[in-house]
Amino acid sequence: MFGLGLWELVVLLVIVLLIFGASRLPEIGSGLGKGIANFRQAAKEAKGIEAAPEKNKDQNASEKDSKTV
C-alpha cells in the first residue's frame, strides 16, 4: 500500500492522533469512508452513461440550409 510499512503507518497514526485528538478520529474515519463509497458509486455510474452520437457535418449543413430557406 503505497510502499508504507508497519512502522510508517504507526507513526502516521500517532501524528494524526496528536493533531486531531482521540475524540475526532471516529468522525474523520467515517467521513473518509463515506467519501470513498461515494467515489466508487460515481465511478460505477459513469461507466453506465453512454454519450449521444454526434450528427455528421453533412446533416448539420443540410439542416442549416433548410432553416434559412
N, C-alpha and C. Protein backbone atom coordinates (compact mmCIF):
# COMPACT_ATOMS: atom_id res chain seq x y z
N MET A 1 0.83 -1.18 0.00
CA MET A 1 0.00 0.00 0.00
C MET A 1 0.88 1.24 0.00
N PHE A 2 1.16 1.79 -1.13
CA PHE A 2 1.95 2.99 -1.30
C PHE A 2 3.36 2.85 -0.74
N GLY A 3 3.83 1.64 -0.56
CA GLY A 3 5.18 1.42 -0.06
C GLY A 3 5.34 1.75 1.42
N LEU A 4 4.25 1.81 2.17
CA LEU A 4 4.33 2.11 3.59
C LEU A 4 4.39 0.82 4.39
N GLY A 5 5.33 0.77 5.32
CA GLY A 5 5.44 -0.38 6.19
C GLY A 5 4.65 -0.18 7.46
N LEU A 6 4.76 -1.13 8.36
CA LEU A 6 4.03 -1.07 9.62
C LEU A 6 4.44 0.14 10.46
N TRP A 7 5.75 0.39 10.56
CA TRP A 7 6.21 1.49 11.41
C TRP A 7 5.82 2.85 10.84
N GLU A 8 5.81 2.98 9.52
CA GLU A 8 5.39 4.24 8.93
C GLU A 8 3.92 4.52 9.22
N LEU A 9 3.10 3.46 9.14
CA LEU A 9 1.68 3.62 9.46
C LEU A 9 1.45 3.97 10.92
N VAL A 10 2.23 3.38 11.80
CA VAL A 10 2.11 3.68 13.24
C VAL A 10 2.48 5.14 13.50
N VAL A 11 3.56 5.60 12.91
CA VAL A 11 3.98 7.00 13.08
C VAL A 11 2.92 7.94 12.52
N LEU A 12 2.37 7.60 11.37
CA LEU A 12 1.33 8.43 10.77
C LEU A 12 0.09 8.49 11.66
N LEU A 13 -0.30 7.37 12.23
CA LEU A 13 -1.46 7.33 13.13
C LEU A 13 -1.21 8.16 14.38
N VAL A 14 0.00 8.10 14.93
CA VAL A 14 0.33 8.89 16.12
C VAL A 14 0.29 10.38 15.80
N ILE A 15 0.78 10.77 14.62
CA ILE A 15 0.76 12.19 14.24
C ILE A 15 -0.68 12.66 14.08
N VAL A 16 -1.52 11.86 13.42
CA VAL A 16 -2.93 12.22 13.26
C VAL A 16 -3.61 12.30 14.61
N LEU A 17 -3.29 11.38 15.50
CA LEU A 17 -3.86 11.39 16.85
C LEU A 17 -3.47 12.65 17.60
N LEU A 18 -2.23 13.08 17.47
CA LEU A 18 -1.77 14.30 18.15
C LEU A 18 -2.43 15.55 17.57
N ILE A 19 -2.63 15.57 16.26
CA ILE A 19 -3.19 16.76 15.62
C ILE A 19 -4.69 16.88 15.90
N PHE A 20 -5.43 15.80 15.70
CA PHE A 20 -6.89 15.88 15.79
C PHE A 20 -7.46 15.44 17.13
N GLY A 21 -6.75 14.65 17.88
CA GLY A 21 -7.26 14.16 19.15
C GLY A 21 -8.06 12.89 18.97
N ALA A 22 -8.20 12.15 20.07
CA ALA A 22 -8.86 10.84 20.01
C ALA A 22 -10.36 10.96 19.76
N SER A 23 -10.96 12.04 20.18
CA SER A 23 -12.41 12.17 20.03
C SER A 23 -12.83 12.41 18.59
N ARG A 24 -11.95 12.96 17.77
CA ARG A 24 -12.30 13.26 16.38
C ARG A 24 -11.96 12.14 15.41
N LEU A 25 -11.18 11.15 15.82
CA LEU A 25 -10.77 10.08 14.91
C LEU A 25 -11.94 9.29 14.34
N PRO A 26 -12.94 8.88 15.12
CA PRO A 26 -14.08 8.17 14.51
C PRO A 26 -14.83 9.02 13.48
N GLU A 27 -14.95 10.29 13.77
CA GLU A 27 -15.62 11.21 12.84
C GLU A 27 -14.84 11.34 11.53
N ILE A 28 -13.54 11.43 11.62
CA ILE A 28 -12.69 11.52 10.43
C ILE A 28 -12.75 10.23 9.64
N GLY A 29 -12.69 9.10 10.32
CA GLY A 29 -12.76 7.80 9.64
C GLY A 29 -14.09 7.60 8.95
N SER A 30 -15.17 8.01 9.59
CA SER A 30 -16.50 7.88 9.00
C SER A 30 -16.62 8.75 7.75
N GLY A 31 -16.13 9.97 7.82
CA GLY A 31 -16.18 10.87 6.67
C GLY A 31 -15.34 10.35 5.52
N LEU A 32 -14.18 9.80 5.83
CA LEU A 32 -13.32 9.24 4.79
C LEU A 32 -13.97 8.03 4.14
N GLY A 33 -14.59 7.18 4.93
CA GLY A 33 -15.28 6.01 4.39
C GLY A 33 -16.44 6.38 3.50
N LYS A 34 -17.23 7.38 3.90
CA LYS A 34 -18.35 7.83 3.09
C LYS A 34 -17.86 8.45 1.79
N GLY A 35 -16.76 9.17 1.85
CA GLY A 35 -16.20 9.77 0.64
C GLY A 35 -15.74 8.72 -0.36
N ILE A 36 -15.09 7.68 0.13
CA ILE A 36 -14.64 6.59 -0.74
C ILE A 36 -15.83 5.86 -1.34
N ALA A 37 -16.87 5.62 -0.54
CA ALA A 37 -18.07 4.94 -1.05
C ALA A 37 -18.75 5.77 -2.12
N ASN A 38 -18.85 7.08 -1.92
CA ASN A 38 -19.46 7.95 -2.92
C ASN A 38 -18.64 7.97 -4.20
N PHE A 39 -17.33 7.97 -4.08
CA PHE A 39 -16.46 7.96 -5.25
C PHE A 39 -16.65 6.68 -6.05
N ARG A 40 -16.71 5.55 -5.37
CA ARG A 40 -16.91 4.27 -6.06
C ARG A 40 -18.25 4.22 -6.76
N GLN A 41 -19.29 4.73 -6.10
CA GLN A 41 -20.62 4.74 -6.70
C GLN A 41 -20.64 5.63 -7.94
N ALA A 42 -20.01 6.79 -7.86
CA ALA A 42 -19.97 7.69 -9.01
C ALA A 42 -19.18 7.07 -10.17
N ALA A 43 -18.13 6.34 -9.86
CA ALA A 43 -17.35 5.69 -10.90
C ALA A 43 -18.16 4.60 -11.60
N LYS A 44 -18.97 3.87 -10.85
CA LYS A 44 -19.82 2.84 -11.44
C LYS A 44 -20.89 3.47 -12.33
N GLU A 45 -21.47 4.58 -11.87
CA GLU A 45 -22.50 5.26 -12.66
C GLU A 45 -21.91 5.85 -13.93
N ALA A 46 -20.69 6.34 -13.87
CA ALA A 46 -20.06 6.94 -15.04
C ALA A 46 -19.81 5.89 -16.12
N LYS A 47 -19.55 4.65 -15.74
CA LYS A 47 -19.34 3.59 -16.72
C LYS A 47 -20.63 3.28 -17.48
N GLY A 48 -21.77 3.44 -16.85
CA GLY A 48 -23.05 3.12 -17.46
C GLY A 48 -23.60 4.20 -18.37
N ILE A 49 -23.02 5.39 -18.32
CA ILE A 49 -23.51 6.50 -19.12
C ILE A 49 -22.92 6.40 -20.52
N GLU A 50 -23.80 6.47 -21.52
CA GLU A 50 -23.34 6.44 -22.90
C GLU A 50 -23.52 7.83 -23.49
N ALA A 51 -22.54 8.27 -24.24
CA ALA A 51 -22.61 9.57 -24.89
C ALA A 51 -23.51 9.46 -26.12
N ALA A 52 -24.29 10.49 -26.37
CA ALA A 52 -25.15 10.51 -27.55
C ALA A 52 -24.28 10.69 -28.78
N PRO A 53 -24.56 9.97 -29.84
CA PRO A 53 -23.74 10.11 -31.04
C PRO A 53 -23.94 11.49 -31.66
N GLU A 54 -22.86 12.07 -32.12
CA GLU A 54 -22.93 13.38 -32.75
C GLU A 54 -23.40 13.22 -34.19
N LYS A 55 -24.06 14.23 -34.71
CA LYS A 55 -24.52 14.20 -36.08
C LYS A 55 -23.35 14.47 -37.02
N ASN A 56 -23.48 13.98 -38.22
CA ASN A 56 -22.46 14.24 -39.22
C ASN A 56 -22.49 15.70 -39.63
N LYS A 57 -21.39 16.18 -40.13
CA LYS A 57 -21.33 17.57 -40.59
C LYS A 57 -22.29 17.79 -41.76
N ASP A 58 -22.46 16.77 -42.60
CA ASP A 58 -23.36 16.90 -43.74
C ASP A 58 -24.80 17.09 -43.27
N GLN A 59 -25.20 16.39 -42.22
CA GLN A 59 -26.55 16.53 -41.70
C GLN A 59 -26.74 17.90 -41.08
N ASN A 60 -25.72 18.40 -40.38
CA ASN A 60 -25.81 19.73 -39.78
C ASN A 60 -25.93 20.80 -40.85
N ALA A 61 -25.16 20.65 -41.93
CA ALA A 61 -25.19 21.64 -43.01
C ALA A 61 -26.55 21.63 -43.70
N SER A 62 -27.12 20.45 -43.93
CA SER A 62 -28.42 20.39 -44.60
C SER A 62 -29.52 20.96 -43.71
N GLU A 63 -29.41 20.77 -42.42
CA GLU A 63 -30.40 21.35 -41.50
C GLU A 63 -30.32 22.86 -41.50
N LYS A 64 -29.12 23.40 -41.54
CA LYS A 64 -28.97 24.86 -41.57
C LYS A 64 -29.54 25.43 -42.85
N ASP A 65 -29.30 24.73 -43.98
CA ASP A 65 -29.81 25.20 -45.26
C ASP A 65 -31.33 25.20 -45.28
N SER A 66 -31.94 24.16 -44.72
CA SER A 66 -33.40 24.08 -44.73
C SER A 66 -34.03 25.12 -43.80
N LYS A 67 -33.33 25.51 -42.75
CA LYS A 67 -33.85 26.52 -41.84
C LYS A 67 -33.76 27.92 -42.43
N THR A 68 -32.77 28.17 -43.26
CA THR A 68 -32.58 29.52 -43.82
C THR A 68 -33.53 29.79 -44.97
N VAL A 69 -34.08 28.75 -45.55
CA VAL A 69 -34.95 28.95 -46.71
C VAL A 69 -36.34 29.33 -46.31
